All heavy atoms as atom14 arrays in JSON, in Angstrom:
{
  "sequence": "PLAPSMIPERLSKRRDIEKWLLRNCKWTLGRECTAQEKGDLLSFLKAQ",
  "atom14_mask": [
    [1, 1, 1, 1, 1, 1, 1, 0, 0, 0, 0, 0, 0, 0],
    [1, 1, 1, 1, 1, 1, 1, 1, 0, 0, 0, 0, 0, 0],
    [1, 1, 1, 1, 1, 0, 0, 0, 0, 0, 0, 0, 0, 0],
    [1, 1, 1, 1, 1, 1, 1, 0, 0, 0, 0, 0, 0, 0],
    [1, 1, 1, 1, 1, 1, 0, 0, 0, 0, 0, 0, 0, 0],
    [1, 1, 1, 1, 1, 1, 1, 1, 0, 0, 0, 0, 0, 0],
    [1, 1, 1, 1, 1, 1, 1, 1, 0, 0, 0, 0, 0, 0],
    [1, 1, 1, 1, 1, 1, 1, 0, 0, 0, 0, 0, 0, 0],
    [1, 1, 1, 1, 1, 1, 1, 1, 1, 0, 0, 0, 0, 0],
    [1, 1, 1, 1, 1, 1, 1, 1, 1, 1, 1, 0, 0, 0],
    [1, 1, 1, 1, 1, 1, 1, 1, 0, 0, 0, 0, 0, 0],
    [1, 1, 1, 1, 1, 1, 0, 0, 0, 0, 0, 0, 0, 0],
    [1, 1, 1, 1, 1, 1, 1, 1, 1, 0, 0, 0, 0, 0],
    [1, 1, 1, 1, 1, 1, 1, 1, 1, 1, 1, 0, 0, 0],
    [1, 1, 1, 1, 1, 1, 1, 1, 1, 1, 1, 0, 0, 0],
    [1, 1, 1, 1, 1, 1, 1, 1, 0, 0, 0, 0, 0, 0],
    [1, 1, 1, 1, 1, 1, 1, 1, 0, 0, 0, 0, 0, 0],
    [1, 1, 1, 1, 1, 1, 1, 1, 1, 0, 0, 0, 0, 0],
    [1, 1, 1, 1, 1, 1, 1, 1, 1, 0, 0, 0, 0, 0],
    [1, 1, 1, 1, 1, 1, 1, 1, 1, 1, 1, 1, 1, 1],
    [1, 1, 1, 1, 1, 1, 1, 1, 0, 0, 0, 0, 0, 0],
    [1, 1, 1, 1, 1, 1, 1, 1, 0, 0, 0, 0, 0, 0],
    [1, 1, 1, 1, 1, 1, 1, 1, 1, 1, 1, 0, 0, 0],
    [1, 1, 1, 1, 1, 1, 1, 1, 0, 0, 0, 0, 0, 0],
    [1, 1, 1, 1, 1, 1, 0, 0, 0, 0, 0, 0, 0, 0],
    [1, 1, 1, 1, 1, 1, 1, 1, 1, 0, 0, 0, 0, 0],
    [1, 1, 1, 1, 1, 1, 1, 1, 1, 1, 1, 1, 1, 1],
    [1, 1, 1, 1, 1, 1, 1, 0, 0, 0, 0, 0, 0, 0],
    [1, 1, 1, 1, 1, 1, 1, 1, 0, 0, 0, 0, 0, 0],
    [1, 1, 1, 1, 0, 0, 0, 0, 0, 0, 0, 0, 0, 0],
    [1, 1, 1, 1, 1, 1, 1, 1, 1, 1, 1, 0, 0, 0],
    [1, 1, 1, 1, 1, 1, 1, 1, 1, 0, 0, 0, 0, 0],
    [1, 1, 1, 1, 1, 1, 0, 0, 0, 0, 0, 0, 0, 0],
    [1, 1, 1, 1, 1, 1, 1, 0, 0, 0, 0, 0, 0, 0],
    [1, 1, 1, 1, 1, 0, 0, 0, 0, 0, 0, 0, 0, 0],
    [1, 1, 1, 1, 1, 1, 1, 1, 1, 0, 0, 0, 0, 0],
    [1, 1, 1, 1, 1, 1, 1, 1, 1, 0, 0, 0, 0, 0],
    [1, 1, 1, 1, 1, 1, 1, 1, 1, 0, 0, 0, 0, 0],
    [1, 1, 1, 1, 0, 0, 0, 0, 0, 0, 0, 0, 0, 0],
    [1, 1, 1, 1, 1, 1, 1, 1, 0, 0, 0, 0, 0, 0],
    [1, 1, 1, 1, 1, 1, 1, 1, 0, 0, 0, 0, 0, 0],
    [1, 1, 1, 1, 1, 1, 1, 1, 0, 0, 0, 0, 0, 0],
    [1, 1, 1, 1, 1, 1, 0, 0, 0, 0, 0, 0, 0, 0],
    [1, 1, 1, 1, 1, 1, 1, 1, 1, 1, 1, 0, 0, 0],
    [1, 1, 1, 1, 1, 1, 1, 1, 0, 0, 0, 0, 0, 0],
    [1, 1, 1, 1, 1, 1, 1, 1, 1, 0, 0, 0, 0, 0],
    [1, 1, 1, 1, 1, 0, 0, 0, 0, 0, 0, 0, 0, 0],
    [1, 1, 1, 1, 1, 1, 1, 1, 1, 0, 0, 0, 0, 0]
  ],
  "atom14_positions": [
    [[0.83, -1.22, 0.0], [0.0, 0.0, 0.0], [0.86, 1.26, 0.0], [1.92, 1.3, 0.62], [-0.79, -0.12, 1.3], [-0.82, -1.58, 1.6], [0.49, -2.11, 1.11], [0.0, 0.0, 0.0], [0.0, 0.0, 0.0], [0.0, 0.0, 0.0], [0.0, 0.0, 0.0], [0.0, 0.0, 0.0], [0.0, 0.0, 0.0], [0.0, 0.0, 0.0]],
    [[0.4, 2.27, -0.72], [1.14, 3.54, -0.77], [0.76, 4.49, 0.36], [1.48, 5.44, 0.63], [0.87, 4.25, -2.11], [1.66, 3.73, -3.29], [1.24, 4.47, -4.56], [3.14, 3.88, -3.06], [0.0, 0.0, 0.0], [0.0, 0.0, 0.0], [0.0, 0.0, 0.0], [0.0, 0.0, 0.0], [0.0, 0.0, 0.0], [0.0, 0.0, 0.0]],
    [[-0.35, 4.25, 1.0], [-0.83, 5.16, 2.04], [0.13, 5.19, 3.24], [0.38, 4.14, 3.84], [-2.21, 4.74, 2.51], [0.0, 0.0, 0.0], [0.0, 0.0, 0.0], [0.0, 0.0, 0.0], [0.0, 0.0, 0.0], [0.0, 0.0, 0.0], [0.0, 0.0, 0.0], [0.0, 0.0, 0.0], [0.0, 0.0, 0.0], [0.0, 0.0, 0.0]],
    [[0.64, 6.37, 3.59], [1.48, 6.48, 4.79], [0.74, 6.07, 6.06], [1.37, 5.67, 7.03], [1.88, 7.95, 4.83], [1.66, 8.45, 3.45], [0.55, 7.63, 2.87], [0.0, 0.0, 0.0], [0.0, 0.0, 0.0], [0.0, 0.0, 0.0], [0.0, 0.0, 0.0], [0.0, 0.0, 0.0], [0.0, 0.0, 0.0], [0.0, 0.0, 0.0]],
    [[-0.59, 6.13, 6.05], [-1.35, 5.7, 7.23], [-1.24, 4.19, 7.42], [-1.43, 3.7, 8.53], [-2.82, 6.1, 7.09], [-3.42, 5.45, 5.97], [0.0, 0.0, 0.0], [0.0, 0.0, 0.0], [0.0, 0.0, 0.0], [0.0, 0.0, 0.0], [0.0, 0.0, 0.0], [0.0, 0.0, 0.0], [0.0, 0.0, 0.0], [0.0, 0.0, 0.0]],
    [[-0.93, 3.47, 6.38], [-0.77, 2.01, 6.45], [0.69, 1.62, 6.66], [0.99, 0.69, 7.39], [-1.31, 1.35, 5.18], [-2.78, 1.57, 4.94], [-3.81, 0.91, 6.25], [-3.53, -0.83, 6.08], [0.0, 0.0, 0.0], [0.0, 0.0, 0.0], [0.0, 0.0, 0.0], [0.0, 0.0, 0.0], [0.0, 0.0, 0.0], [0.0, 0.0, 0.0]],
    [[1.57, 2.3, 5.94], [3.01, 2.04, 6.02], [3.69, 3.39, 6.22], [3.9, 4.13, 5.26], [3.53, 1.34, 4.74], [2.8, 0.01, 4.53], [5.04, 1.13, 4.83], [3.19, -0.73, 3.28], [0.0, 0.0, 0.0], [0.0, 0.0, 0.0], [0.0, 0.0, 0.0], [0.0, 0.0, 0.0], [0.0, 0.0, 0.0], [0.0, 0.0, 0.0]],
    [[4.0, 3.74, 7.47], [4.55, 5.07, 7.78], [5.84, 5.41, 7.02], [6.12, 6.59, 6.82], [4.81, 5.0, 9.28], [3.87, 3.97, 9.77], [3.79, 2.94, 8.67], [0.0, 0.0, 0.0], [0.0, 0.0, 0.0], [0.0, 0.0, 0.0], [0.0, 0.0, 0.0], [0.0, 0.0, 0.0], [0.0, 0.0, 0.0], [0.0, 0.0, 0.0]],
    [[6.58, 4.42, 6.56], [7.82, 4.68, 5.83], [7.57, 5.18, 4.4], [8.49, 5.66, 3.74], [8.7, 3.44, 5.78], [9.21, 2.98, 7.13], [8.16, 2.21, 7.93], [7.23, 1.61, 7.34], [8.25, 2.24, 9.17], [0.0, 0.0, 0.0], [0.0, 0.0, 0.0], [0.0, 0.0, 0.0], [0.0, 0.0, 0.0], [0.0, 0.0, 0.0]],
    [[6.35, 5.04, 3.94], [6.04, 5.53, 2.6], [6.26, 7.03, 2.55], [6.01, 7.75, 3.51], [4.58, 5.23, 2.23], [4.32, 3.8, 1.91], [5.11, 3.36, 0.71], [4.51, 2.19, 0.1], [5.07, 1.57, -0.91], [6.19, 1.99, -1.43], [4.48, 0.51, -1.41], [0.0, 0.0, 0.0], [0.0, 0.0, 0.0], [0.0, 0.0, 0.0]],
    [[6.75, 7.49, 1.44], [7.03, 8.92, 1.21], [8.09, 9.46, 2.15], [8.13, 10.65, 2.42], [5.75, 9.76, 1.32], [4.56, 9.35, 0.47], [3.39, 10.29, 0.69], [4.92, 9.29, -1.0], [0.0, 0.0, 0.0], [0.0, 0.0, 0.0], [0.0, 0.0, 0.0], [0.0, 0.0, 0.0], [0.0, 0.0, 0.0], [0.0, 0.0, 0.0]],
    [[8.98, 8.61, 2.66], [10.0, 9.07, 3.59], [11.4, 9.1, 2.97], [12.34, 9.51, 3.64], [10.01, 8.21, 4.85], [10.4, 6.89, 4.55], [0.0, 0.0, 0.0], [0.0, 0.0, 0.0], [0.0, 0.0, 0.0], [0.0, 0.0, 0.0], [0.0, 0.0, 0.0], [0.0, 0.0, 0.0], [0.0, 0.0, 0.0], [0.0, 0.0, 0.0]],
    [[11.51, 8.68, 1.72], [12.81, 8.69, 1.05], [12.69, 9.45, -0.26], [12.02, 9.01, -1.2], [13.28, 7.27, 0.79], [13.58, 6.51, 2.05], [14.06, 5.11, 1.77], [14.28, 4.4, 3.09], [14.22, 2.96, 2.92], [0.0, 0.0, 0.0], [0.0, 0.0, 0.0], [0.0, 0.0, 0.0], [0.0, 0.0, 0.0], [0.0, 0.0, 0.0]],
    [[13.35, 10.59, -0.29], [13.3, 11.48, -1.45], [13.66, 10.74, -2.74], [12.98, 10.89, -3.75], [14.24, 12.65, -1.2], [14.31, 13.61, -2.32], [15.42, 14.63, -2.06], [15.36, 15.62, -3.09], [14.74, 16.78, -2.99], [14.15, 17.11, -1.86], [14.7, 17.61, -3.99], [0.0, 0.0, 0.0], [0.0, 0.0, 0.0], [0.0, 0.0, 0.0]],
    [[14.71, 9.99, -2.69], [15.18, 9.29, -3.89], [14.1, 8.36, -4.44], [13.88, 8.29, -5.65], [16.45, 8.52, -3.55], [17.04, 7.8, -4.72], [18.34, 7.14, -4.32], [18.75, 6.23, -5.36], [19.72, 5.4, -5.25], [20.42, 5.34, -4.15], [20.03, 4.59, -6.25], [0.0, 0.0, 0.0], [0.0, 0.0, 0.0], [0.0, 0.0, 0.0]],
    [[13.43, 7.63, -3.55], [12.37, 6.72, -3.98], [11.19, 7.48, -4.57], [10.63, 7.08, -5.6], [11.89, 5.86, -2.82], [12.91, 4.82, -2.39], [13.88, 4.57, -3.14], [12.74, 4.27, -1.29], [0.0, 0.0, 0.0], [0.0, 0.0, 0.0], [0.0, 0.0, 0.0], [0.0, 0.0, 0.0], [0.0, 0.0, 0.0], [0.0, 0.0, 0.0]],
    [[10.79, 8.58, -3.93], [9.67, 9.38, -4.44], [9.98, 9.87, -5.84], [9.16, 9.73, -6.76], [9.37, 10.57, -3.5], [8.87, 10.08, -2.15], [8.35, 11.51, -4.15], [8.8, 11.17, -1.08], [0.0, 0.0, 0.0], [0.0, 0.0, 0.0], [0.0, 0.0, 0.0], [0.0, 0.0, 0.0], [0.0, 0.0, 0.0], [0.0, 0.0, 0.0]],
    [[11.16, 10.45, -6.02], [11.52, 10.99, -7.34], [11.62, 9.9, -8.39], [11.15, 10.06, -9.52], [12.82, 11.77, -7.23], [12.66, 13.05, -6.44], [13.97, 13.79, -6.2], [15.04, 13.14, -6.15], [13.92, 15.02, -6.07], [0.0, 0.0, 0.0], [0.0, 0.0, 0.0], [0.0, 0.0, 0.0], [0.0, 0.0, 0.0], [0.0, 0.0, 0.0]],
    [[12.21, 8.76, -8.02], [12.35, 7.64, -8.97], [10.99, 7.13, -9.4], [10.74, 6.94, -10.6], [13.16, 6.52, -8.31], [13.24, 5.26, -9.18], [14.05, 4.17, -8.51], [13.16, 3.27, -7.7], [13.87, 2.09, -7.16], [0.0, 0.0, 0.0], [0.0, 0.0, 0.0], [0.0, 0.0, 0.0], [0.0, 0.0, 0.0], [0.0, 0.0, 0.0]],
    [[10.09, 6.91, -8.44], [8.8, 6.33, -8.78], [7.89, 7.31, -9.48], [7.11, 6.91, -10.36], [8.15, 5.69, -7.55], [8.9, 4.45, -7.18], [9.67, 4.24, -6.08], [8.99, 3.25, -7.96], [10.23, 2.98, -6.13], [9.83, 2.35, -7.27], [8.45, 2.85, -9.17], [10.15, 1.09, -7.75], [8.76, 1.58, -9.64], [9.59, 0.72, -8.94]],
    [[7.97, 8.58, -9.15], [7.18, 9.57, -9.91], [7.65, 9.6, -11.36], [6.82, 9.62, -12.28], [7.28, 10.96, -9.28], [6.37, 11.23, -8.1], [6.7, 12.59, -7.47], [4.91, 11.17, -8.49], [0.0, 0.0, 0.0], [0.0, 0.0, 0.0], [0.0, 0.0, 0.0], [0.0, 0.0, 0.0], [0.0, 0.0, 0.0], [0.0, 0.0, 0.0]],
    [[8.94, 9.59, -11.58], [9.47, 9.6, -12.95], [9.04, 8.35, -13.71], [8.45, 8.44, -14.8], [11.0, 9.71, -12.92], [11.68, 9.66, -14.28], [11.3, 10.88, -15.12], [13.19, 9.58, -14.12], [0.0, 0.0, 0.0], [0.0, 0.0, 0.0], [0.0, 0.0, 0.0], [0.0, 0.0, 0.0], [0.0, 0.0, 0.0], [0.0, 0.0, 0.0]],
    [[9.29, 7.2, -13.13], [8.98, 5.93, -13.8], [7.48, 5.75, -14.02], [7.04, 5.39, -15.11], [9.53, 4.78, -12.96], [9.39, 3.44, -13.64], [10.01, 2.34, -12.82], [11.47, 2.51, -12.78], [12.27, 1.74, -12.06], [11.78, 0.79, -11.3], [13.57, 1.93, -12.1], [0.0, 0.0, 0.0], [0.0, 0.0, 0.0], [0.0, 0.0, 0.0]],
    [[6.68, 6.01, -13.0], [5.24, 5.76, -13.11], [4.53, 6.79, -13.96], [3.56, 6.46, -14.66], [4.61, 5.66, -11.73], [5.04, 4.39, -11.02], [5.48, 3.42, -11.63], [4.94, 4.39, -9.71], [0.0, 0.0, 0.0], [0.0, 0.0, 0.0], [0.0, 0.0, 0.0], [0.0, 0.0, 0.0], [0.0, 0.0, 0.0], [0.0, 0.0, 0.0]],
    [[4.99, 8.04, -13.94], [4.38, 9.03, -14.84], [4.65, 8.66, -16.28], [3.75, 8.74, -17.12], [4.91, 10.44, -14.54], [4.25, 11.15, -13.01], [0.0, 0.0, 0.0], [0.0, 0.0, 0.0], [0.0, 0.0, 0.0], [0.0, 0.0, 0.0], [0.0, 0.0, 0.0], [0.0, 0.0, 0.0], [0.0, 0.0, 0.0], [0.0, 0.0, 0.0]],
    [[5.88, 8.25, -16.57], [6.19, 7.86, -17.95], [5.35, 6.67, -18.4], [4.86, 6.63, -19.52], [7.68, 7.54, -18.09], [8.56, 8.77, -18.14], [10.01, 8.38, -18.36], [10.88, 9.59, -18.54], [12.29, 9.21, -18.79], [0.0, 0.0, 0.0], [0.0, 0.0, 0.0], [0.0, 0.0, 0.0], [0.0, 0.0, 0.0], [0.0, 0.0, 0.0]],
    [[5.17, 5.69, -17.5], [4.4, 4.5, -17.87], [2.92, 4.82, -17.99], [2.25, 4.38, -18.93], [4.6, 3.39, -16.83], [3.99, 2.09, -17.25], [4.52, 1.16, -18.09], [2.7, 1.58, -16.87], [3.66, 0.1, -18.23], [2.53, 0.34, -17.51], [1.68, 2.06, -16.05], [1.4, -0.44, -17.35], [0.54, 1.28, -15.89], [0.41, 0.05, -16.54]],
    [[2.4, 5.61, -17.06], [0.96, 5.88, -17.03], [0.55, 6.96, -18.02], [-0.41, 6.8, -18.76], [0.53, 6.28, -15.61], [0.94, 5.26, -14.7], [-0.97, 6.46, -15.51], [0.0, 0.0, 0.0], [0.0, 0.0, 0.0], [0.0, 0.0, 0.0], [0.0, 0.0, 0.0], [0.0, 0.0, 0.0], [0.0, 0.0, 0.0], [0.0, 0.0, 0.0]],
    [[1.27, 8.08, -18.01], [0.9, 9.22, -18.85], [1.6, 9.23, -20.2], [1.23, 9.99, -21.09], [1.22, 10.54, -18.13], [0.61, 10.76, -16.75], [1.11, 12.07, -16.16], [-0.89, 10.74, -16.81], [0.0, 0.0, 0.0], [0.0, 0.0, 0.0], [0.0, 0.0, 0.0], [0.0, 0.0, 0.0], [0.0, 0.0, 0.0], [0.0, 0.0, 0.0]],
    [[2.68, 8.45, -20.31], [3.46, 8.46, -21.54], [4.45, 9.62, -21.58], [5.03, 9.91, -22.62], [0.0, 0.0, 0.0], [0.0, 0.0, 0.0], [0.0, 0.0, 0.0], [0.0, 0.0, 0.0], [0.0, 0.0, 0.0], [0.0, 0.0, 0.0], [0.0, 0.0, 0.0], [0.0, 0.0, 0.0], [0.0, 0.0, 0.0], [0.0, 0.0, 0.0]],
    [[4.65, 10.27, -20.44], [5.56, 11.42, -20.33], [5.86, 11.65, -18.86], [5.23, 11.06, -17.99], [4.91, 12.67, -20.92], [3.62, 13.05, -20.2], [3.03, 14.37, -20.69], [1.72, 14.61, -20.13], [1.48, 15.02, -18.88], [2.49, 15.25, -18.04], [0.25, 15.23, -18.45], [0.0, 0.0, 0.0], [0.0, 0.0, 0.0], [0.0, 0.0, 0.0]],
    [[6.8, 12.54, -18.61], [7.07, 12.92, -17.23], [5.92, 13.78, -16.71], [5.28, 14.52, -17.48], [8.38, 13.71, -17.12], [9.61, 12.87, -17.35], [10.9, 13.63, -17.1], [10.93, 14.5, -16.2], [11.87, 13.35, -17.82], [0.0, 0.0, 0.0], [0.0, 0.0, 0.0], [0.0, 0.0, 0.0], [0.0, 0.0, 0.0], [0.0, 0.0, 0.0]],
    [[5.65, 13.71, -15.43], [4.64, 14.57, -14.82], [5.19, 15.99, -14.7], [6.39, 16.2, -14.54], [4.29, 14.07, -13.41], [3.21, 12.64, -13.39], [0.0, 0.0, 0.0], [0.0, 0.0, 0.0], [0.0, 0.0, 0.0], [0.0, 0.0, 0.0], [0.0, 0.0, 0.0], [0.0, 0.0, 0.0], [0.0, 0.0, 0.0], [0.0, 0.0, 0.0]],
    [[4.3, 16.94, -14.78], [4.67, 18.34, -14.55], [4.86, 18.56, -13.05], [4.44, 17.73, -12.22], [3.58, 19.28, -15.06], [2.38, 19.07, -14.27], [3.26, 19.06, -16.53], [0.0, 0.0, 0.0], [0.0, 0.0, 0.0], [0.0, 0.0, 0.0], [0.0, 0.0, 0.0], [0.0, 0.0, 0.0], [0.0, 0.0, 0.0], [0.0, 0.0, 0.0]],
    [[5.43, 19.7, -12.7], [5.57, 20.07, -11.28], [4.19, 20.12, -10.62], [4.03, 19.69, -9.47], [6.29, 21.4, -11.14], [0.0, 0.0, 0.0], [0.0, 0.0, 0.0], [0.0, 0.0, 0.0], [0.0, 0.0, 0.0], [0.0, 0.0, 0.0], [0.0, 0.0, 0.0], [0.0, 0.0, 0.0], [0.0, 0.0, 0.0], [0.0, 0.0, 0.0]],
    [[3.19, 20.61, -11.33], [1.83, 20.68, -10.79], [1.28, 19.29, -10.51], [0.73, 19.03, -9.45], [0.91, 21.43, -11.77], [-0.51, 21.6, -11.26], [-0.57, 22.57, -10.08], [0.0, 23.64, -10.14], [-1.24, 22.18, -9.01], [0.0, 0.0, 0.0], [0.0, 0.0, 0.0], [0.0, 0.0, 0.0], [0.0, 0.0, 0.0], [0.0, 0.0, 0.0]],
    [[1.43, 18.39, -11.47], [0.93, 17.03, -11.3], [1.64, 16.31, -10.15], [0.99, 15.64, -9.35], [1.1, 16.24, -12.61], [0.17, 16.73, -13.71], [0.53, 16.22, -15.08], [1.72, 15.94, -15.34], [-0.39, 16.11, -15.92], [0.0, 0.0, 0.0], [0.0, 0.0, 0.0], [0.0, 0.0, 0.0], [0.0, 0.0, 0.0], [0.0, 0.0, 0.0]],
    [[2.95, 16.46, -10.07], [3.7, 15.83, -8.97], [3.22, 16.37, -7.63], [3.01, 15.61, -6.68], [5.2, 16.09, -9.12], [5.85, 15.37, -10.26], [7.32, 15.76, -10.3], [7.99, 15.4, -11.58], [9.39, 15.85, -11.6], [0.0, 0.0, 0.0], [0.0, 0.0, 0.0], [0.0, 0.0, 0.0], [0.0, 0.0, 0.0], [0.0, 0.0, 0.0]],
    [[3.03, 17.69, -7.54], [2.57, 18.29, -6.29], [1.17, 17.83, -5.91], [0.91, 17.54, -4.74], [0.0, 0.0, 0.0], [0.0, 0.0, 0.0], [0.0, 0.0, 0.0], [0.0, 0.0, 0.0], [0.0, 0.0, 0.0], [0.0, 0.0, 0.0], [0.0, 0.0, 0.0], [0.0, 0.0, 0.0], [0.0, 0.0, 0.0], [0.0, 0.0, 0.0]],
    [[0.28, 17.75, -6.89], [-1.08, 17.29, -6.61], [-1.07, 15.82, -6.18], [-1.76, 15.45, -5.21], [-1.97, 17.48, -7.84], [-2.29, 18.93, -8.15], [-2.24, 19.78, -7.23], [-2.59, 19.23, -9.32], [0.0, 0.0, 0.0], [0.0, 0.0, 0.0], [0.0, 0.0, 0.0], [0.0, 0.0, 0.0], [0.0, 0.0, 0.0], [0.0, 0.0, 0.0]],
    [[-0.31, 14.98, -6.87], [-0.23, 13.57, -6.5], [0.36, 13.38, -5.11], [-0.17, 12.61, -4.31], [0.59, 12.78, -7.54], [-0.12, 12.45, -8.84], [0.88, 11.94, -9.87], [-1.23, 11.44, -8.62], [0.0, 0.0, 0.0], [0.0, 0.0, 0.0], [0.0, 0.0, 0.0], [0.0, 0.0, 0.0], [0.0, 0.0, 0.0], [0.0, 0.0, 0.0]],
    [[1.45, 14.08, -4.82], [2.06, 13.96, -3.49], [1.12, 14.47, -2.4], [1.05, 13.89, -1.31], [3.39, 14.71, -3.43], [4.61, 13.94, -3.9], [5.87, 14.79, -3.72], [4.76, 12.64, -3.15], [0.0, 0.0, 0.0], [0.0, 0.0, 0.0], [0.0, 0.0, 0.0], [0.0, 0.0, 0.0], [0.0, 0.0, 0.0], [0.0, 0.0, 0.0]],
    [[0.41, 15.54, -2.68], [-0.56, 16.06, -1.7], [-1.63, 15.03, -1.42], [-2.02, 14.79, -0.26], [-1.2, 17.35, -2.2], [-0.22, 18.37, -2.31], [0.0, 0.0, 0.0], [0.0, 0.0, 0.0], [0.0, 0.0, 0.0], [0.0, 0.0, 0.0], [0.0, 0.0, 0.0], [0.0, 0.0, 0.0], [0.0, 0.0, 0.0], [0.0, 0.0, 0.0]],
    [[-2.12, 14.39, -2.47], [-3.12, 13.34, -2.34], [-2.57, 12.16, -1.52], [-3.19, 11.7, -0.57], [-3.58, 12.88, -3.73], [-4.33, 11.59, -3.72], [-5.59, 11.49, -3.16], [-3.78, 10.45, -4.3], [-6.29, 10.28, -3.16], [-4.46, 9.25, -4.32], [-5.72, 9.16, -3.74], [0.0, 0.0, 0.0], [0.0, 0.0, 0.0], [0.0, 0.0, 0.0]],
    [[-1.39, 11.68, -1.9], [-0.81, 10.51, -1.23], [-0.49, 10.81, 0.24], [-0.71, 9.98, 1.11], [0.43, 10.03, -1.96], [0.16, 9.39, -3.31], [1.47, 9.14, -4.06], [-0.64, 8.12, -3.18], [0.0, 0.0, 0.0], [0.0, 0.0, 0.0], [0.0, 0.0, 0.0], [0.0, 0.0, 0.0], [0.0, 0.0, 0.0], [0.0, 0.0, 0.0]],
    [[0.01, 11.99, 0.5], [0.36, 12.39, 1.87], [-0.88, 12.35, 2.77], [-0.79, 12.02, 3.95], [0.96, 13.79, 1.87], [1.37, 14.31, 3.21], [1.94, 15.71, 3.08], [2.21, 16.31, 4.44], [2.72, 17.68, 4.34], [0.0, 0.0, 0.0], [0.0, 0.0, 0.0], [0.0, 0.0, 0.0], [0.0, 0.0, 0.0], [0.0, 0.0, 0.0]],
    [[-2.03, 12.66, 2.21], [-3.28, 12.71, 2.99], [-3.86, 11.33, 3.23], [-4.84, 11.19, 3.98], [-4.3, 13.58, 2.27], [0.0, 0.0, 0.0], [0.0, 0.0, 0.0], [0.0, 0.0, 0.0], [0.0, 0.0, 0.0], [0.0, 0.0, 0.0], [0.0, 0.0, 0.0], [0.0, 0.0, 0.0], [0.0, 0.0, 0.0], [0.0, 0.0, 0.0]],
    [[-3.31, 10.31, 2.62], [-3.88, 8.96, 2.75], [-3.5, 8.35, 4.06], [-2.77, 7.7, 4.42], [-3.46, 8.1, 1.56], [-3.91, 8.67, 0.23], [-5.4, 8.89, 0.13], [-6.17, 7.94, 0.27], [-5.84, 10.11, -0.05], [0.0, 0.0, 0.0], [0.0, 0.0, 0.0], [0.0, 0.0, 0.0], [0.0, 0.0, 0.0], [0.0, 0.0, 0.0]]
  ]
}
């Protein structure tokens, strides 16, 4: 699970966050996410 409420270590390593945003945005969107998209996604995930 990605929710920090389930696994507190989620979103605690900058390198992992940046790697997975890059990889998953490219796979899902077919491109890198914009700064806006990354911020919105991180805000959403942080609230989980």
